[in-house]
Amino acid sequence: LIFQTELYIDNAVYLAGSEEAKSHALLILENILIQVANSVIQPLLNKLADVETIKQNFYDREYISTREIERFRNNLSWKYRLRNYVKEPQAIFESRYELFVFAPRGIAKMSIYAPRRAELSQLKGIPLLVTLILEFRDAVTPRLQSVLSLLGSGVVFMLTKVVGRGLGLIGRGILQGIGSVSFLEGKNKK
């Protein structure tokens, strides 16, 4: 919008200055702001996590102990790895970007469509493996579900027939037993 160029989002063109373009630009700006804040806080946590003045001025009371700081850092580290190795390759494979935006209850995540074919062709290592697993899952899952459904239906049919007949025979035997007992009781009374 600064350069008065069109904005391409979700496979649609928004003219510079239009309300839709301003709305999408605001979302992108919010995402940039949140990403910059994350980039600033990460070195702070990695290098200065145990400096008392920083702990007193920047940390919430519940995160002030060394154990809680380390737990928080480990959780963040795990989330960064998950994002870099799984979530981002999945987003590239699905041709979308995930944006962090401000919401009434904090920070929310939203997705927008954008072609990412060039990025997909440049993936290597674990991110590439993740996309291959996703593609394999997409190819195999529907067929596997139909086979399992067919097998499940066959098992249900067989159990219904076998167990049903077995229960029928047991019921018939009980009725015959009751009938012969009541018949004998009737004879004994005479």
N, C-alpha and C. Protein backbone atom coordinates (compact mmCIF):
# COMPACT_ATOMS: atom_id res chain seq x y z
N LEU A 1 0.81 -1.19 0.00
CA LEU A 1 0.00 0.00 0.00
C LEU A 1 0.86 1.26 0.00
N ILE A 2 2.03 1.17 0.58
CA ILE A 2 2.92 2.33 0.61
C ILE A 2 3.33 2.71 -0.81
N PHE A 3 3.60 1.69 -1.62
CA PHE A 3 4.03 1.95 -2.99
C PHE A 3 2.86 1.96 -3.97
N GLN A 4 1.64 1.90 -3.45
CA GLN A 4 0.42 1.90 -4.25
C GLN A 4 0.40 0.77 -5.29
N THR A 5 0.80 -0.42 -4.84
CA THR A 5 0.75 -1.59 -5.71
C THR A 5 -0.38 -2.50 -5.25
N GLU A 6 -0.83 -3.35 -6.15
CA GLU A 6 -1.90 -4.28 -5.82
C GLU A 6 -1.41 -5.31 -4.81
N LEU A 7 -2.33 -5.85 -4.05
CA LEU A 7 -2.02 -6.84 -3.04
C LEU A 7 -2.66 -8.16 -3.46
N TYR A 8 -1.84 -9.23 -3.54
CA TYR A 8 -2.33 -10.56 -3.92
C TYR A 8 -2.42 -11.42 -2.68
N ILE A 9 -3.64 -11.78 -2.27
CA ILE A 9 -3.85 -12.64 -1.11
C ILE A 9 -5.02 -13.56 -1.41
N ASP A 10 -4.87 -14.83 -1.00
CA ASP A 10 -5.92 -15.84 -1.20
C ASP A 10 -6.36 -15.92 -2.65
N ASN A 11 -5.39 -15.82 -3.53
CA ASN A 11 -5.63 -15.95 -4.97
C ASN A 11 -6.56 -14.86 -5.51
N ALA A 12 -6.57 -13.72 -4.86
CA ALA A 12 -7.39 -12.58 -5.29
C ALA A 12 -6.52 -11.33 -5.31
N VAL A 13 -6.89 -10.40 -6.19
CA VAL A 13 -6.16 -9.14 -6.32
C VAL A 13 -6.96 -8.05 -5.62
N TYR A 14 -6.27 -7.31 -4.75
CA TYR A 14 -6.90 -6.19 -4.05
C TYR A 14 -6.21 -4.91 -4.49
N LEU A 15 -6.98 -3.97 -5.00
CA LEU A 15 -6.42 -2.70 -5.47
C LEU A 15 -5.89 -1.89 -4.30
N ALA A 16 -4.79 -1.19 -4.55
CA ALA A 16 -4.20 -0.35 -3.51
C ALA A 16 -5.21 0.69 -3.06
N GLY A 17 -5.35 0.85 -1.76
CA GLY A 17 -6.28 1.84 -1.23
C GLY A 17 -7.67 1.30 -0.95
N SER A 18 -7.99 0.10 -1.44
CA SER A 18 -9.32 -0.46 -1.17
C SER A 18 -9.40 -0.93 0.29
N GLU A 19 -10.60 -1.06 0.79
CA GLU A 19 -10.79 -1.48 2.19
C GLU A 19 -10.23 -2.88 2.42
N GLU A 20 -10.43 -3.78 1.45
CA GLU A 20 -9.91 -5.14 1.59
C GLU A 20 -8.39 -5.14 1.67
N ALA A 21 -7.75 -4.33 0.82
CA ALA A 21 -6.29 -4.25 0.82
C ALA A 21 -5.80 -3.69 2.16
N LYS A 22 -6.47 -2.67 2.67
CA LYS A 22 -6.08 -2.09 3.96
C LYS A 22 -6.25 -3.11 5.08
N SER A 23 -7.34 -3.86 5.03
CA SER A 23 -7.60 -4.88 6.05
C SER A 23 -6.53 -5.96 6.03
N HIS A 24 -6.19 -6.46 4.84
CA HIS A 24 -5.15 -7.49 4.72
C HIS A 24 -3.78 -6.93 5.07
N ALA A 25 -3.51 -5.69 4.70
CA ALA A 25 -2.24 -5.06 5.04
C ALA A 25 -2.10 -4.92 6.56
N LEU A 26 -3.20 -4.62 7.24
CA LEU A 26 -3.17 -4.52 8.69
C LEU A 26 -2.83 -5.87 9.32
N LEU A 27 -3.40 -6.95 8.78
CA LEU A 27 -3.09 -8.29 9.28
C LEU A 27 -1.62 -8.62 9.08
N ILE A 28 -1.09 -8.26 7.91
CA ILE A 28 0.33 -8.51 7.63
C ILE A 28 1.21 -7.68 8.57
N LEU A 29 0.83 -6.44 8.81
CA LEU A 29 1.57 -5.57 9.73
C LEU A 29 1.55 -6.12 11.15
N GLU A 30 0.40 -6.61 11.60
CA GLU A 30 0.32 -7.23 12.92
C GLU A 30 1.24 -8.44 13.01
N ASN A 31 1.26 -9.25 11.95
CA ASN A 31 2.14 -10.42 11.93
C ASN A 31 3.60 -9.99 12.02
N ILE A 32 3.98 -8.97 11.28
CA ILE A 32 5.36 -8.48 11.32
C ILE A 32 5.71 -8.01 12.73
N LEU A 33 4.81 -7.28 13.35
CA LEU A 33 5.04 -6.78 14.70
C LEU A 33 5.24 -7.92 15.70
N ILE A 34 4.41 -8.93 15.62
CA ILE A 34 4.53 -10.08 16.52
C ILE A 34 5.82 -10.85 16.25
N GLN A 35 6.17 -11.04 14.97
CA GLN A 35 7.40 -11.76 14.63
C GLN A 35 8.64 -11.00 15.10
N VAL A 36 8.63 -9.67 14.97
CA VAL A 36 9.76 -8.86 15.45
C VAL A 36 9.86 -8.98 16.97
N ALA A 37 8.73 -8.93 17.67
CA ALA A 37 8.74 -9.08 19.12
C ALA A 37 9.31 -10.44 19.52
N ASN A 38 8.93 -11.49 18.80
CA ASN A 38 9.49 -12.82 19.08
C ASN A 38 10.99 -12.85 18.82
N SER A 39 11.42 -12.18 17.77
CA SER A 39 12.85 -12.14 17.44
C SER A 39 13.65 -11.37 18.48
N VAL A 40 13.03 -10.39 19.11
CA VAL A 40 13.72 -9.62 20.14
C VAL A 40 13.80 -10.42 21.44
N ILE A 41 12.73 -11.10 21.79
CA ILE A 41 12.69 -11.81 23.07
C ILE A 41 13.52 -13.09 23.06
N GLN A 42 13.70 -13.70 21.90
CA GLN A 42 14.44 -14.96 21.85
C GLN A 42 15.89 -14.80 22.32
N PRO A 43 16.66 -13.82 21.83
CA PRO A 43 18.02 -13.66 22.36
C PRO A 43 18.02 -13.26 23.84
N LEU A 44 17.01 -12.51 24.24
CA LEU A 44 16.90 -12.14 25.64
C LEU A 44 16.77 -13.39 26.50
N LEU A 45 15.94 -14.32 26.09
CA LEU A 45 15.78 -15.56 26.84
C LEU A 45 17.02 -16.44 26.76
N ASN A 46 17.69 -16.45 25.62
CA ASN A 46 18.85 -17.32 25.46
C ASN A 46 20.10 -16.81 26.15
N LYS A 47 20.30 -15.50 26.17
CA LYS A 47 21.55 -14.95 26.70
C LYS A 47 21.41 -14.32 28.08
N LEU A 48 20.25 -13.73 28.37
CA LEU A 48 20.11 -12.96 29.59
C LEU A 48 18.99 -13.48 30.49
N ALA A 49 18.67 -14.73 30.38
CA ALA A 49 17.51 -15.27 31.09
C ALA A 49 17.64 -15.19 32.61
N ASP A 50 18.85 -15.32 33.13
CA ASP A 50 19.04 -15.35 34.58
C ASP A 50 19.58 -14.05 35.18
N VAL A 51 19.61 -12.98 34.43
CA VAL A 51 20.05 -11.69 34.97
C VAL A 51 18.91 -11.14 35.82
N GLU A 52 19.21 -10.87 37.09
CA GLU A 52 18.16 -10.49 38.04
C GLU A 52 17.40 -9.22 37.66
N THR A 53 18.08 -8.22 37.15
CA THR A 53 17.37 -6.98 36.79
C THR A 53 16.38 -7.23 35.65
N ILE A 54 16.75 -8.08 34.72
CA ILE A 54 15.84 -8.41 33.62
C ILE A 54 14.68 -9.25 34.15
N LYS A 55 14.97 -10.18 35.05
CA LYS A 55 13.91 -10.99 35.63
C LYS A 55 12.90 -10.11 36.36
N GLN A 56 13.39 -9.16 37.13
CA GLN A 56 12.50 -8.30 37.92
C GLN A 56 11.68 -7.36 37.04
N ASN A 57 12.26 -6.87 35.95
CA ASN A 57 11.58 -5.86 35.14
C ASN A 57 10.72 -6.41 34.01
N PHE A 58 11.07 -7.58 33.48
CA PHE A 58 10.38 -8.06 32.28
C PHE A 58 9.54 -9.33 32.48
N TYR A 59 9.83 -10.10 33.52
CA TYR A 59 9.16 -11.39 33.67
C TYR A 59 7.93 -11.28 34.55
N ASP A 60 6.95 -12.09 34.23
CA ASP A 60 5.78 -12.22 35.09
C ASP A 60 6.20 -12.99 36.34
N ARG A 61 5.50 -12.79 37.43
CA ARG A 61 5.85 -13.42 38.71
C ARG A 61 5.94 -14.94 38.62
N GLU A 62 5.07 -15.55 37.84
CA GLU A 62 5.07 -17.01 37.76
C GLU A 62 6.28 -17.57 37.00
N TYR A 63 6.98 -16.73 36.23
CA TYR A 63 8.14 -17.20 35.47
C TYR A 63 9.46 -16.69 36.03
N ILE A 64 9.48 -16.23 37.25
CA ILE A 64 10.69 -15.60 37.77
C ILE A 64 11.72 -16.61 38.29
N SER A 65 11.29 -17.82 38.67
CA SER A 65 12.25 -18.81 39.16
C SER A 65 13.03 -19.40 37.99
N THR A 66 14.23 -19.84 38.27
CA THR A 66 15.10 -20.41 37.23
C THR A 66 14.44 -21.62 36.59
N ARG A 67 13.80 -22.44 37.40
CA ARG A 67 13.14 -23.63 36.86
C ARG A 67 12.05 -23.26 35.86
N GLU A 68 11.22 -22.29 36.20
CA GLU A 68 10.14 -21.87 35.30
C GLU A 68 10.69 -21.23 34.03
N ILE A 69 11.77 -20.46 34.16
CA ILE A 69 12.39 -19.85 32.98
C ILE A 69 12.91 -20.94 32.05
N GLU A 70 13.58 -21.94 32.61
CA GLU A 70 14.11 -23.03 31.80
C GLU A 70 12.98 -23.84 31.17
N ARG A 71 11.93 -24.08 31.91
CA ARG A 71 10.78 -24.80 31.36
C ARG A 71 10.17 -24.01 30.20
N PHE A 72 10.03 -22.70 30.38
CA PHE A 72 9.48 -21.85 29.33
C PHE A 72 10.39 -21.86 28.10
N ARG A 73 11.71 -21.76 28.31
CA ARG A 73 12.67 -21.80 27.20
C ARG A 73 12.60 -23.13 26.47
N ASN A 74 12.51 -24.23 27.21
CA ASN A 74 12.42 -25.55 26.59
C ASN A 74 11.14 -25.69 25.77
N ASN A 75 10.02 -25.20 26.30
CA ASN A 75 8.77 -25.23 25.55
C ASN A 75 8.87 -24.41 24.27
N LEU A 76 9.47 -23.22 24.38
CA LEU A 76 9.65 -22.38 23.19
C LEU A 76 10.55 -23.07 22.17
N SER A 77 11.63 -23.66 22.66
CA SER A 77 12.57 -24.36 21.77
C SER A 77 11.86 -25.50 21.04
N TRP A 78 11.05 -26.25 21.77
CA TRP A 78 10.30 -27.35 21.15
C TRP A 78 9.34 -26.81 20.10
N LYS A 79 8.65 -25.71 20.40
CA LYS A 79 7.70 -25.14 19.45
C LYS A 79 8.40 -24.60 18.21
N TYR A 80 9.58 -23.99 18.38
CA TYR A 80 10.34 -23.51 17.22
C TYR A 80 10.76 -24.68 16.33
N ARG A 81 11.23 -25.76 16.94
CA ARG A 81 11.63 -26.92 16.14
C ARG A 81 10.43 -27.52 15.42
N LEU A 82 9.32 -27.65 16.12
CA LEU A 82 8.11 -28.18 15.51
C LEU A 82 7.67 -27.31 14.34
N ARG A 83 7.74 -26.00 14.53
CA ARG A 83 7.35 -25.08 13.45
C ARG A 83 8.31 -25.20 12.27
N ASN A 84 9.61 -25.22 12.54
CA ASN A 84 10.60 -25.24 11.45
C ASN A 84 10.63 -26.57 10.70
N TYR A 85 10.45 -27.68 11.42
CA TYR A 85 10.58 -28.98 10.78
C TYR A 85 9.27 -29.59 10.32
N VAL A 86 8.13 -29.20 10.90
CA VAL A 86 6.86 -29.83 10.56
C VAL A 86 5.84 -28.83 10.04
N LYS A 87 5.54 -27.83 10.84
CA LYS A 87 4.44 -26.90 10.49
C LYS A 87 4.75 -26.07 9.25
N GLU A 88 5.95 -25.52 9.16
CA GLU A 88 6.29 -24.68 8.00
C GLU A 88 6.36 -25.50 6.71
N PRO A 89 7.00 -26.70 6.70
CA PRO A 89 6.94 -27.51 5.47
C PRO A 89 5.51 -27.90 5.09
N GLN A 90 4.67 -28.16 6.08
CA GLN A 90 3.27 -28.47 5.80
C GLN A 90 2.58 -27.26 5.19
N ALA A 91 2.85 -26.07 5.72
CA ALA A 91 2.25 -24.85 5.16
C ALA A 91 2.74 -24.61 3.73
N ILE A 92 4.01 -24.87 3.48
CA ILE A 92 4.55 -24.73 2.12
C ILE A 92 3.86 -25.72 1.19
N PHE A 93 3.71 -26.97 1.63
CA PHE A 93 3.08 -28.01 0.83
C PHE A 93 1.62 -27.67 0.54
N GLU A 94 0.96 -27.02 1.49
CA GLU A 94 -0.45 -26.65 1.34
C GLU A 94 -0.63 -25.25 0.73
N SER A 95 0.47 -24.63 0.30
CA SER A 95 0.44 -23.31 -0.35
C SER A 95 -0.26 -22.27 0.51
N ARG A 96 0.20 -22.14 1.73
CA ARG A 96 -0.40 -21.13 2.60
C ARG A 96 0.66 -20.55 3.54
N TYR A 97 0.37 -19.38 4.05
CA TYR A 97 1.19 -18.74 5.07
C TYR A 97 0.37 -18.65 6.34
N GLU A 98 1.01 -18.87 7.46
CA GLU A 98 0.33 -18.67 8.74
C GLU A 98 0.74 -17.32 9.29
N LEU A 99 -0.26 -16.52 9.63
CA LEU A 99 -0.02 -15.19 10.19
C LEU A 99 -0.47 -15.18 11.64
N PHE A 100 0.29 -14.48 12.48
CA PHE A 100 -0.13 -14.23 13.85
C PHE A 100 -0.72 -12.83 13.88
N VAL A 101 -1.93 -12.73 14.42
CA VAL A 101 -2.63 -11.45 14.46
C VAL A 101 -3.18 -11.23 15.86
N PHE A 102 -3.47 -9.97 16.16
CA PHE A 102 -4.06 -9.63 17.45
C PHE A 102 -5.55 -9.94 17.42
N ALA A 103 -6.01 -10.59 18.46
CA ALA A 103 -7.42 -10.96 18.59
C ALA A 103 -7.93 -10.46 19.94
N PRO A 104 -9.22 -10.44 20.14
CA PRO A 104 -9.75 -9.96 21.43
C PRO A 104 -9.21 -10.73 22.64
N ARG A 105 -8.88 -12.00 22.46
CA ARG A 105 -8.39 -12.80 23.59
C ARG A 105 -6.89 -13.05 23.52
N GLY A 106 -6.14 -12.23 22.81
CA GLY A 106 -4.70 -12.40 22.73
C GLY A 106 -4.23 -12.47 21.29
N ILE A 107 -3.31 -13.38 21.04
CA ILE A 107 -2.76 -13.55 19.69
C ILE A 107 -3.40 -14.79 19.07
N ALA A 108 -3.86 -14.64 17.84
CA ALA A 108 -4.49 -15.75 17.12
C ALA A 108 -3.69 -16.05 15.86
N LYS A 109 -3.88 -17.26 15.34
CA LYS A 109 -3.20 -17.68 14.13
C LYS A 109 -4.23 -17.80 13.02
N MET A 110 -3.89 -17.29 11.84
CA MET A 110 -4.77 -17.43 10.68
C MET A 110 -3.92 -17.80 9.46
N SER A 111 -4.55 -18.40 8.47
CA SER A 111 -3.85 -18.82 7.26
C SER A 111 -4.37 -18.05 6.06
N ILE A 112 -3.44 -17.76 5.15
CA ILE A 112 -3.82 -17.17 3.87
C ILE A 112 -3.17 -17.99 2.77
N TYR A 113 -3.84 -18.09 1.64
CA TYR A 113 -3.32 -18.85 0.51
C TYR A 113 -2.30 -18.01 -0.25
N ALA A 114 -1.24 -18.66 -0.67
CA ALA A 114 -0.25 -18.04 -1.56
C ALA A 114 0.54 -19.17 -2.22
N PRO A 115 0.79 -19.09 -3.52
CA PRO A 115 1.57 -20.14 -4.18
C PRO A 115 2.98 -20.20 -3.59
N ARG A 116 3.43 -21.41 -3.28
CA ARG A 116 4.76 -21.58 -2.67
C ARG A 116 5.54 -22.69 -3.36
N ARG A 117 5.30 -22.87 -4.65
CA ARG A 117 5.94 -23.94 -5.41
C ARG A 117 7.47 -23.83 -5.39
N ALA A 118 7.99 -22.61 -5.52
CA ALA A 118 9.44 -22.42 -5.53
C ALA A 118 10.05 -22.85 -4.20
N GLU A 119 9.40 -22.51 -3.09
CA GLU A 119 9.90 -22.92 -1.77
C GLU A 119 9.83 -24.43 -1.61
N LEU A 120 8.78 -25.04 -2.14
CA LEU A 120 8.61 -26.48 -2.04
C LEU A 120 9.75 -27.21 -2.73
N SER A 121 10.17 -26.70 -3.88
CA SER A 121 11.25 -27.36 -4.62
C SER A 121 12.61 -27.17 -3.95
N GLN A 122 12.73 -26.25 -3.02
CA GLN A 122 14.00 -26.00 -2.34
C GLN A 122 14.12 -26.70 -0.99
N LEU A 123 13.09 -27.41 -0.56
CA LEU A 123 13.15 -28.09 0.73
C LEU A 123 14.16 -29.22 0.70
N LYS A 124 14.84 -29.41 1.83
CA LYS A 124 15.83 -30.48 1.97
C LYS A 124 15.73 -31.06 3.37
N GLY A 125 16.24 -32.26 3.54
CA GLY A 125 16.32 -32.87 4.86
C GLY A 125 14.96 -33.21 5.46
N ILE A 126 14.83 -32.94 6.76
CA ILE A 126 13.61 -33.27 7.48
C ILE A 126 12.38 -32.57 6.91
N PRO A 127 12.45 -31.26 6.58
CA PRO A 127 11.26 -30.63 5.99
C PRO A 127 10.79 -31.31 4.70
N LEU A 128 11.72 -31.75 3.86
CA LEU A 128 11.34 -32.47 2.65
C LEU A 128 10.69 -33.81 3.00
N LEU A 129 11.25 -34.50 3.98
CA LEU A 129 10.69 -35.77 4.43
C LEU A 129 9.26 -35.58 4.94
N VAL A 130 9.02 -34.50 5.66
CA VAL A 130 7.67 -34.21 6.17
C VAL A 130 6.69 -34.08 5.01
N THR A 131 7.07 -33.36 3.96
CA THR A 131 6.15 -33.19 2.82
C THR A 131 5.92 -34.53 2.10
N LEU A 132 6.96 -35.36 2.02
CA LEU A 132 6.79 -36.67 1.40
C LEU A 132 5.85 -37.56 2.22
N ILE A 133 5.97 -37.48 3.54
CA ILE A 133 5.07 -38.24 4.42
C ILE A 133 3.64 -37.76 4.25
N LEU A 134 3.46 -36.44 4.16
CA LEU A 134 2.11 -35.89 3.95
C LEU A 134 1.52 -36.37 2.63
N GLU A 135 2.35 -36.37 1.59
CA GLU A 135 1.87 -36.83 0.28
C GLU A 135 1.53 -38.31 0.31
N PHE A 136 2.38 -39.11 0.96
CA PHE A 136 2.12 -40.55 1.10
C PHE A 136 0.82 -40.78 1.87
N ARG A 137 0.65 -40.03 2.96
CA ARG A 137 -0.57 -40.16 3.76
C ARG A 137 -1.81 -39.81 2.93
N ASP A 138 -1.70 -38.74 2.15
CA ASP A 138 -2.82 -38.33 1.30
C ASP A 138 -3.16 -39.40 0.25
N ALA A 139 -2.13 -40.10 -0.24
CA ALA A 139 -2.35 -41.12 -1.27
C ALA A 139 -2.88 -42.42 -0.67
N VAL A 140 -2.40 -42.79 0.50
CA VAL A 140 -2.71 -44.10 1.07
C VAL A 140 -3.95 -44.10 1.96
N THR A 141 -4.16 -43.04 2.71
CA THR A 141 -5.22 -43.02 3.72
C THR A 141 -6.61 -43.35 3.17
N PRO A 142 -7.06 -42.75 2.07
CA PRO A 142 -8.41 -43.09 1.60
C PRO A 142 -8.57 -44.57 1.24
N ARG A 143 -7.56 -45.14 0.60
CA ARG A 143 -7.64 -46.55 0.22
C ARG A 143 -7.62 -47.45 1.46
N LEU A 144 -6.75 -47.10 2.41
CA LEU A 144 -6.66 -47.88 3.64
C LEU A 144 -7.97 -47.80 4.42
N GLN A 145 -8.58 -46.63 4.46
CA GLN A 145 -9.86 -46.49 5.15
C GLN A 145 -10.94 -47.33 4.50
N SER A 146 -10.96 -47.37 3.17
CA SER A 146 -11.99 -48.18 2.50
C SER A 146 -11.76 -49.67 2.73
N VAL A 147 -10.49 -50.11 2.74
CA VAL A 147 -10.20 -51.52 3.01
C VAL A 147 -10.60 -51.87 4.44
N LEU A 148 -10.24 -51.01 5.40
CA LEU A 148 -10.59 -51.27 6.79
C LEU A 148 -12.11 -51.25 6.99
N SER A 149 -12.79 -50.38 6.29
CA SER A 149 -14.25 -50.33 6.38
C SER A 149 -14.86 -51.62 5.84
N LEU A 150 -14.33 -52.10 4.72
CA LEU A 150 -14.82 -53.35 4.14
C LEU A 150 -14.56 -54.52 5.09
N LEU A 151 -13.34 -54.59 5.65
CA LEU A 151 -13.02 -55.65 6.60
C LEU A 151 -13.90 -55.56 7.84
N GLY A 152 -14.12 -54.35 8.32
CA GLY A 152 -14.97 -54.16 9.49
C GLY A 152 -16.39 -54.61 9.23
N SER A 153 -16.90 -54.30 8.05
CA SER A 153 -18.26 -54.74 7.69
C SER A 153 -18.33 -56.26 7.62
N GLY A 154 -17.29 -56.87 7.08
CA GLY A 154 -17.24 -58.33 7.00
C GLY A 154 -17.21 -58.97 8.38
N VAL A 155 -16.42 -58.41 9.28
CA VAL A 155 -16.34 -58.93 10.64
C VAL A 155 -17.68 -58.78 11.35
N VAL A 156 -18.31 -57.62 11.19
CA VAL A 156 -19.62 -57.40 11.81
C VAL A 156 -20.64 -58.39 11.26
N PHE A 157 -20.62 -58.61 9.96
CA PHE A 157 -21.55 -59.56 9.34
C PHE A 157 -21.33 -60.96 9.90
N MET A 158 -20.06 -61.39 9.93
CA MET A 158 -19.75 -62.74 10.42
C MET A 158 -20.14 -62.88 11.89
N LEU A 159 -19.79 -61.90 12.70
CA LEU A 159 -20.13 -62.00 14.12
C LEU A 159 -21.64 -62.00 14.33
N THR A 160 -22.33 -61.20 13.56
CA THR A 160 -23.79 -61.16 13.68
C THR A 160 -24.38 -62.52 13.34
N LYS A 161 -23.91 -63.11 12.25
CA LYS A 161 -24.44 -64.42 11.84
C LYS A 161 -24.05 -65.50 12.84
N VAL A 162 -22.77 -65.59 13.20
CA VAL A 162 -22.30 -66.66 14.08
C VAL A 162 -22.84 -66.47 15.49
N VAL A 163 -22.66 -65.28 16.04
CA VAL A 163 -23.12 -65.03 17.41
C VAL A 163 -24.64 -65.08 17.46
N GLY A 164 -25.28 -64.52 16.44
CA GLY A 164 -26.74 -64.56 16.39
C GLY A 164 -27.28 -65.98 16.39
N ARG A 165 -26.69 -66.82 15.58
CA ARG A 165 -27.13 -68.22 15.54
C ARG A 165 -26.81 -68.92 16.85
N GLY A 166 -25.63 -68.61 17.40
CA GLY A 166 -25.25 -69.22 18.69
C GLY A 166 -26.22 -68.81 19.79
N LEU A 167 -26.57 -67.54 19.84
CA LEU A 167 -27.54 -67.08 20.84
C LEU A 167 -28.91 -67.70 20.60
N GLY A 168 -29.26 -67.85 19.34
CA GLY A 168 -30.53 -68.50 19.01
C GLY A 168 -30.58 -69.93 19.51
N LEU A 169 -29.49 -70.67 19.31
CA LEU A 169 -29.43 -72.05 19.78
C LEU A 169 -29.47 -72.12 21.30
N ILE A 170 -28.76 -71.21 21.95
CA ILE A 170 -28.77 -71.17 23.42
C ILE A 170 -30.18 -70.86 23.93
N GLY A 171 -30.81 -69.88 23.30
CA GLY A 171 -32.18 -69.52 23.70
C GLY A 171 -33.14 -70.67 23.50
N ARG A 172 -33.01 -71.35 22.37
CA ARG A 172 -33.87 -72.50 22.09
C ARG A 172 -33.65 -73.61 23.12
N GLY A 173 -32.38 -73.82 23.46
CA GLY A 173 -32.07 -74.84 24.47
C GLY A 173 -32.66 -74.49 25.82
N ILE A 174 -32.59 -73.21 26.18
CA ILE A 174 -33.17 -72.78 27.46
C ILE A 174 -34.67 -72.97 27.44
N LEU A 175 -35.30 -72.57 26.35
CA LEU A 175 -36.76 -72.73 26.25
C LEU A 175 -37.16 -74.20 26.29
N GLN A 176 -36.41 -75.03 25.62
CA GLN A 176 -36.71 -76.46 25.64
C GLN A 176 -36.52 -77.02 27.04
N GLY A 177 -35.46 -76.56 27.70
CA GLY A 177 -35.22 -77.01 29.08
C GLY A 177 -36.33 -76.58 30.01
N ILE A 178 -36.79 -75.34 29.86
CA ILE A 178 -37.89 -74.84 30.68
C ILE A 178 -39.17 -75.60 30.35
N GLY A 179 -39.37 -75.86 29.07
CA GLY A 179 -40.57 -76.59 28.65
C GLY A 179 -40.58 -78.00 29.18
N SER A 180 -39.46 -78.69 29.15
CA SER A 180 -39.43 -80.07 29.64
C SER A 180 -39.54 -80.11 31.15
N VAL A 181 -39.00 -79.11 31.85
CA VAL A 181 -39.11 -79.07 33.31
C VAL A 181 -40.56 -78.82 33.69
N SER A 182 -41.21 -77.86 33.03
CA SER A 182 -42.61 -77.57 33.36
C SER A 182 -43.51 -78.76 32.97
N PHE A 183 -43.14 -79.49 31.91
CA PHE A 183 -43.91 -80.66 31.50
C PHE A 183 -43.79 -81.74 32.57
N LEU A 184 -42.55 -81.95 33.09
CA LEU A 184 -42.33 -82.95 34.14
C LEU A 184 -43.04 -82.55 35.42
N GLU A 185 -43.03 -81.26 35.76
CA GLU A 185 -43.71 -80.79 36.96
C GLU A 185 -45.21 -81.02 36.84
N GLY A 186 -45.72 -80.80 35.65
CA GLY A 186 -47.15 -81.02 35.41
C GLY A 186 -47.52 -82.49 35.58
N LYS A 187 -46.65 -83.42 35.14
CA LYS A 187 -46.90 -84.85 35.26
C LYS A 187 -46.82 -85.28 36.72
N ASN A 188 -45.86 -84.72 37.45
CA ASN A 188 -45.69 -85.10 38.85
C ASN A 188 -46.86 -84.64 39.69
N LYS A 189 -47.52 -83.54 39.36
CA LYS A 189 -48.65 -83.04 40.12
C LYS A 189 -49.86 -83.95 39.94
N LYS A 190 -49.99 -84.61 38.83
CA LYS A 190 -51.14 -85.46 38.58
C LYS A 190 -50.97 -86.70 39.33
